[in-house]
N, C-alpha and C. Protein backbone atom coordinates (compact mmCIF):
# COMPACT_ATOMS: atom_id res chain seq x y z
N MET A 1 0.85 -1.24 0.18
CA MET A 1 -0.01 -0.11 0.17
C MET A 1 0.91 1.26 -0.18
N PRO A 2 0.92 2.20 -1.10
CA PRO A 2 1.59 3.11 -1.14
C PRO A 2 1.18 4.36 0.18
N ASN A 3 2.41 4.96 0.40
CA ASN A 3 2.03 5.96 1.41
C ASN A 3 0.96 7.11 1.14
N GLY A 4 0.07 7.42 1.67
CA GLY A 4 -0.88 8.28 1.50
C GLY A 4 -2.19 7.80 0.73
N ALA A 5 -1.94 6.19 0.02
CA ALA A 5 -3.19 5.89 -0.63
C ALA A 5 -4.36 5.85 0.13
N VAL A 6 -4.12 5.87 1.68
CA VAL A 6 -5.46 5.47 2.63
C VAL A 6 -5.48 6.49 3.55
N GLN A 7 -6.52 7.38 3.65
CA GLN A 7 -6.79 8.26 4.58
C GLN A 7 -7.59 8.22 5.55
N LEU A 8 -7.56 8.48 6.99
CA LEU A 8 -8.45 7.95 7.99
C LEU A 8 -8.62 9.36 8.70
N SER A 9 -9.98 9.29 9.29
CA SER A 9 -10.62 10.55 9.94
C SER A 9 -11.19 9.77 11.32
N TYR A 10 -11.01 10.57 12.32
CA TYR A 10 -11.39 10.02 13.67
C TYR A 10 -12.29 11.30 14.20
N ALA A 11 -13.47 10.84 14.56
CA ALA A 11 -14.17 12.07 15.17
C ALA A 11 -15.21 11.47 16.29
N VAL A 12 -15.04 12.34 17.49
CA VAL A 12 -16.10 11.91 18.62
C VAL A 12 -17.32 12.60 18.23
N GLY A 13 -18.46 11.73 18.41
CA GLY A 13 -19.79 12.51 17.66
C GLY A 13 -20.29 12.90 19.16
N ASN A 14 -20.54 12.28 20.13
CA ASN A 14 -21.26 12.59 21.48
C ASN A 14 -20.41 11.89 22.60
N GLN A 15 -20.12 12.88 23.55
CA GLN A 15 -19.49 12.70 24.72
C GLN A 15 -20.18 12.85 25.98
N TRP A 16 -20.22 12.15 26.94
CA TRP A 16 -20.87 12.35 28.26
C TRP A 16 -19.75 12.13 29.10
N GLN A 17 -20.46 12.09 30.66
CA GLN A 17 -19.03 12.06 31.84
C GLN A 17 -18.06 11.09 31.85
N ASP A 18 -18.72 9.68 31.39
CA ASP A 18 -18.12 8.54 31.71
C ASP A 18 -18.18 7.46 30.28
N GLY A 19 -18.33 8.32 28.98
CA GLY A 19 -18.49 7.50 27.68
C GLY A 19 -18.53 8.38 26.43
N PHE A 20 -18.38 7.71 25.61
CA PHE A 20 -18.36 8.88 24.28
C PHE A 20 -18.71 7.74 23.11
N VAL A 21 -19.21 8.38 22.17
CA VAL A 21 -19.23 7.81 20.80
C VAL A 21 -18.41 8.18 19.75
N ALA A 22 -17.84 7.70 18.87
CA ALA A 22 -16.79 7.92 18.03
C ALA A 22 -17.06 7.36 16.73
N SER A 23 -16.34 7.84 15.39
CA SER A 23 -16.14 7.12 14.46
C SER A 23 -15.04 7.00 13.46
N VAL A 24 -14.87 6.21 12.85
CA VAL A 24 -13.57 6.42 12.09
C VAL A 24 -13.83 5.74 10.60
N THR A 25 -13.31 6.93 9.86
CA THR A 25 -13.42 6.74 8.40
C THR A 25 -12.46 6.70 7.46
N ILE A 26 -12.62 5.27 6.77
CA ILE A 26 -11.31 5.01 5.92
C ILE A 26 -11.53 5.44 4.46
N THR A 27 -10.79 6.25 4.10
CA THR A 27 -11.00 6.43 2.49
C THR A 27 -9.96 5.62 1.51
N ASN A 28 -10.25 5.04 0.81
CA ASN A 28 -9.37 4.28 0.08
C ASN A 28 -8.69 5.15 -1.28
N ASN A 29 -7.87 5.76 -1.45
CA ASN A 29 -7.45 6.62 -2.69
C ASN A 29 -6.36 5.77 -3.70
N GLY A 30 -6.15 4.45 -3.25
CA GLY A 30 -5.33 3.73 -3.94
C GLY A 30 -5.62 2.72 -4.46
N PRO A 31 -4.92 1.41 -4.87
CA PRO A 31 -5.58 0.30 -5.20
C PRO A 31 -6.79 -0.04 -4.56
N ALA A 32 -7.54 -1.03 -5.36
CA ALA A 32 -8.59 -1.75 -4.36
C ALA A 32 -8.10 -2.68 -3.24
N ILE A 33 -8.57 -2.60 -2.00
CA ILE A 33 -8.13 -3.41 -1.00
C ILE A 33 -9.20 -4.40 -0.87
N ASN A 34 -8.65 -5.72 -0.54
CA ASN A 34 -9.56 -6.93 -0.23
C ASN A 34 -8.83 -7.40 1.14
N GLY A 35 -9.90 -6.90 2.05
CA GLY A 35 -9.51 -7.32 3.59
C GLY A 35 -8.68 -6.04 4.22
N TRP A 36 -8.85 -5.89 5.57
CA TRP A 36 -8.31 -4.87 5.98
C TRP A 36 -8.22 -4.97 7.89
N LYS A 37 -7.06 -4.52 8.32
CA LYS A 37 -7.27 -4.56 9.84
C LYS A 37 -6.38 -3.18 10.06
N LEU A 38 -7.38 -2.20 11.12
CA LEU A 38 -6.86 -0.91 11.83
C LEU A 38 -6.80 -1.15 13.21
N THR A 39 -5.64 -0.79 13.47
CA THR A 39 -5.40 -0.77 15.09
C THR A 39 -5.02 0.76 15.51
N TRP A 40 -5.26 0.58 16.73
CA TRP A 40 -4.72 2.29 17.41
C TRP A 40 -4.87 1.94 18.85
N THR A 41 -4.35 2.92 19.67
CA THR A 41 -3.80 2.96 21.04
C THR A 41 -4.47 4.33 21.73
N PHE A 42 -5.31 3.58 22.58
CA PHE A 42 -6.13 4.67 23.46
C PHE A 42 -4.55 5.55 24.30
N PRO A 43 -4.81 6.49 24.60
CA PRO A 43 -3.76 7.28 25.59
C PRO A 43 -4.21 7.04 26.96
N GLY A 44 -5.49 7.12 27.31
CA GLY A 44 -5.81 6.76 28.72
C GLY A 44 -6.60 5.43 29.03
N ASN A 45 -7.42 5.63 29.72
CA ASN A 45 -8.28 4.11 30.08
C ASN A 45 -9.60 3.98 29.38
N GLN A 46 -9.89 4.36 28.11
CA GLN A 46 -10.93 4.02 27.30
C GLN A 46 -10.93 2.61 27.18
N GLN A 47 -12.38 1.95 26.87
CA GLN A 47 -12.44 0.74 26.57
C GLN A 47 -13.71 0.65 25.71
N VAL A 48 -13.62 -0.05 24.62
CA VAL A 48 -14.75 -0.35 23.67
C VAL A 48 -15.67 -1.18 24.10
N THR A 49 -17.04 -0.64 24.39
CA THR A 49 -17.89 -1.55 24.61
C THR A 49 -18.88 -1.68 23.53
N ASN A 50 -18.75 -1.20 22.39
CA ASN A 50 -19.74 -1.94 21.64
C ASN A 50 -18.97 -1.37 20.31
N LEU A 51 -18.77 -1.95 19.05
CA LEU A 51 -18.44 -1.54 18.06
C LEU A 51 -19.25 -2.06 16.63
N TRP A 52 -19.33 -1.23 15.58
CA TRP A 52 -20.10 -1.60 14.57
C TRP A 52 -19.40 -1.78 13.25
N ASN A 53 -19.67 -2.32 12.52
CA ASN A 53 -18.93 -2.35 10.82
C ASN A 53 -17.70 -2.74 11.11
N GLY A 54 -16.93 -3.94 11.90
CA GLY A 54 -15.88 -4.32 11.99
C GLY A 54 -15.96 -5.16 13.38
N ASP A 55 -14.75 -6.10 13.39
CA ASP A 55 -14.82 -7.07 14.49
C ASP A 55 -13.65 -6.75 15.25
N ALA A 56 -13.74 -6.09 16.66
CA ALA A 56 -12.91 -5.79 17.20
C ALA A 56 -12.77 -6.35 18.53
N THR A 57 -11.29 -6.05 18.91
CA THR A 57 -10.71 -6.78 20.12
C THR A 57 -9.99 -5.69 20.83
N GLN A 58 -9.76 -5.75 22.17
CA GLN A 58 -9.06 -4.69 22.83
C GLN A 58 -8.10 -5.32 24.13
N SER A 59 -6.86 -5.15 24.19
CA SER A 59 -6.05 -5.44 25.15
C SER A 59 -5.40 -4.35 25.63
N GLY A 60 -5.61 -4.15 26.71
CA GLY A 60 -5.17 -2.71 27.49
C GLY A 60 -5.76 -1.75 26.80
N LYS A 61 -4.74 -0.89 26.47
CA LYS A 61 -5.01 0.51 25.55
C LYS A 61 -5.14 0.08 24.13
N ALA A 62 -4.56 -1.16 23.79
CA ALA A 62 -4.79 -1.42 22.18
C ALA A 62 -5.83 -1.98 21.64
N VAL A 63 -6.35 -1.57 20.55
CA VAL A 63 -7.61 -1.62 19.95
C VAL A 63 -7.19 -2.19 18.44
N SER A 64 -7.87 -3.54 18.21
CA SER A 64 -7.60 -3.91 16.84
C SER A 64 -8.95 -4.29 16.19
N VAL A 65 -9.18 -3.87 14.95
CA VAL A 65 -10.48 -4.06 14.20
C VAL A 65 -10.35 -4.56 12.83
N ALA A 66 -10.84 -6.00 12.64
CA ALA A 66 -10.85 -6.51 11.14
C ALA A 66 -12.13 -6.00 10.63
N ASN A 67 -12.25 -6.07 9.61
CA ASN A 67 -13.09 -5.96 8.53
C ASN A 67 -14.26 -6.97 9.00
N ALA A 68 -15.42 -6.50 8.83
CA ALA A 68 -16.91 -7.21 8.81
C ALA A 68 -16.80 -8.26 7.49
N SER A 69 -17.55 -9.21 7.74
CA SER A 69 -17.80 -10.05 6.37
C SER A 69 -18.11 -9.34 5.00
N TYR A 70 -19.06 -8.14 5.31
CA TYR A 70 -19.58 -7.39 4.51
C TYR A 70 -18.76 -6.22 4.01
N ASN A 71 -17.74 -5.83 4.62
CA ASN A 71 -17.11 -4.73 4.46
C ASN A 71 -15.44 -4.69 4.15
N GLY A 72 -15.00 -5.91 3.70
CA GLY A 72 -13.73 -6.28 3.58
C GLY A 72 -12.97 -5.39 2.28
N SER A 73 -13.84 -5.38 1.36
CA SER A 73 -13.51 -4.80 -0.05
C SER A 73 -13.57 -3.17 0.01
N ILE A 74 -12.82 -2.40 -0.39
CA ILE A 74 -12.78 -1.05 -0.28
C ILE A 74 -12.23 -0.49 -1.69
N PRO A 75 -12.96 -0.49 -3.03
CA PRO A 75 -12.64 0.05 -3.93
C PRO A 75 -11.92 1.37 -4.13
N THR A 76 -11.02 1.52 -5.21
CA THR A 76 -10.57 2.79 -5.26
C THR A 76 -11.25 3.92 -5.37
N GLY A 77 -11.39 4.76 -4.27
CA GLY A 77 -12.35 5.95 -4.17
C GLY A 77 -13.36 5.57 -3.46
N GLY A 78 -13.20 4.69 -2.48
CA GLY A 78 -14.18 3.92 -1.44
C GLY A 78 -14.22 4.38 -0.24
N THR A 79 -15.17 4.39 0.61
CA THR A 79 -14.85 4.53 2.03
C THR A 79 -15.58 3.47 2.83
N VAL A 80 -15.06 3.13 4.40
CA VAL A 80 -15.76 2.58 5.06
C VAL A 80 -15.69 3.23 6.20
N THR A 81 -16.63 3.39 6.82
CA THR A 81 -17.09 3.93 8.46
C THR A 81 -17.37 2.89 9.29
N LEU A 82 -16.71 3.02 10.24
CA LEU A 82 -17.00 1.96 11.64
C LEU A 82 -17.17 3.11 12.69
N GLY A 83 -17.84 2.70 13.56
CA GLY A 83 -18.45 3.29 15.03
C GLY A 83 -18.32 2.70 16.13
N PHE A 84 -18.36 3.40 17.22
CA PHE A 84 -17.89 2.44 18.42
C PHE A 84 -18.58 3.37 19.71
N GLN A 85 -18.60 2.80 20.70
CA GLN A 85 -19.09 3.19 22.01
C GLN A 85 -17.99 2.88 23.11
N ALA A 86 -17.72 3.60 23.85
CA ALA A 86 -16.73 3.37 24.62
C ALA A 86 -16.69 4.00 26.16
N SER A 87 -16.18 3.67 27.09
CA SER A 87 -16.41 4.36 28.39
C SER A 87 -14.87 4.66 28.85
N TYR A 88 -14.92 5.72 29.72
CA TYR A 88 -13.72 6.07 29.93
C TYR A 88 -13.76 6.90 31.63
N SER A 89 -12.81 7.26 32.03
CA SER A 89 -12.88 8.01 33.12
C SER A 89 -11.72 9.15 33.35
N GLY A 90 -11.42 10.30 33.70
CA GLY A 90 -10.78 11.29 33.68
C GLY A 90 -11.00 12.03 32.44
N THR A 91 -10.04 12.12 31.48
CA THR A 91 -10.07 12.55 30.02
C THR A 91 -9.75 11.94 28.99
N ASN A 92 -10.59 12.04 27.89
CA ASN A 92 -10.90 11.55 26.73
C ASN A 92 -10.09 11.97 25.52
N ALA A 93 -8.64 11.70 25.69
CA ALA A 93 -8.03 12.29 24.67
C ALA A 93 -8.06 11.51 23.33
N ASN A 94 -8.03 12.01 22.24
CA ASN A 94 -7.94 11.02 20.89
C ASN A 94 -6.96 9.98 20.99
N PRO A 95 -7.06 8.71 20.52
CA PRO A 95 -6.03 7.89 20.49
C PRO A 95 -5.13 8.19 19.15
N GLY A 96 -4.02 7.26 19.18
CA GLY A 96 -2.79 7.71 18.39
C GLY A 96 -2.35 6.34 17.89
N ASN A 97 -1.32 6.37 17.04
CA ASN A 97 -0.34 5.29 16.87
C ASN A 97 -1.52 4.26 15.92
N PHE A 98 -2.32 4.93 15.06
CA PHE A 98 -3.02 4.11 14.13
C PHE A 98 -2.13 3.59 13.08
N THR A 99 -2.64 2.31 12.80
CA THR A 99 -2.10 1.70 11.57
C THR A 99 -3.12 0.60 10.88
N PHE A 100 -3.25 0.94 9.42
CA PHE A 100 -3.97 0.05 8.67
C PHE A 100 -3.32 -0.74 7.78
N ASN A 101 -3.51 -1.95 7.64
CA ASN A 101 -2.66 -3.25 6.99
C ASN A 101 -1.33 -3.27 7.59
N GLY A 102 -0.99 -2.80 8.63
CA GLY A 102 0.50 -2.72 9.16
C GLY A 102 1.11 -1.66 8.93
N VAL A 103 0.51 -0.44 8.36
CA VAL A 103 1.43 0.82 7.71
C VAL A 103 0.76 1.90 8.71
N ALA A 104 1.69 2.80 9.43
CA ALA A 104 1.22 3.57 10.21
C ALA A 104 0.37 4.89 9.55
N ILE A 105 -0.52 5.64 9.88
CA ILE A 105 -1.49 6.30 9.34
C ILE A 105 -1.80 7.21 10.47
N ALA A 106 -1.45 8.37 9.86
CA ALA A 106 -2.24 9.87 10.82
C ALA A 106 -3.56 10.28 10.61
N PRO A 107 -4.37 10.55 11.34
CA PRO A 107 -5.69 10.91 11.09
C PRO A 107 -5.67 12.12 10.55
N LYS A 108 -6.79 12.47 9.51
CA LYS A 108 -6.70 13.94 8.99
C LYS A 108 -7.50 14.96 9.66
């Protein structure tokens, strides 16, 4: 995957005292993708409690999301959006260290 072929955006849509809802949008500007895995690291104690449009696992601060059976292919110019609900205490800083199919990617 060429550098810059995939763009990622991360947005918190709603937040309350001990939880939030966020979305991640992946845009493919390169060759068609067949199967994907997105990872990131939370800076605090955020815990994903529900995620849609992917299969998630979390170990400590590290989150890994693989494509669902219905959205593994991303054509050139295509997008995939996944969303999740999470809990936290203290501050809710945005995650970092995103990788897409093993390649580091910075949110736009």
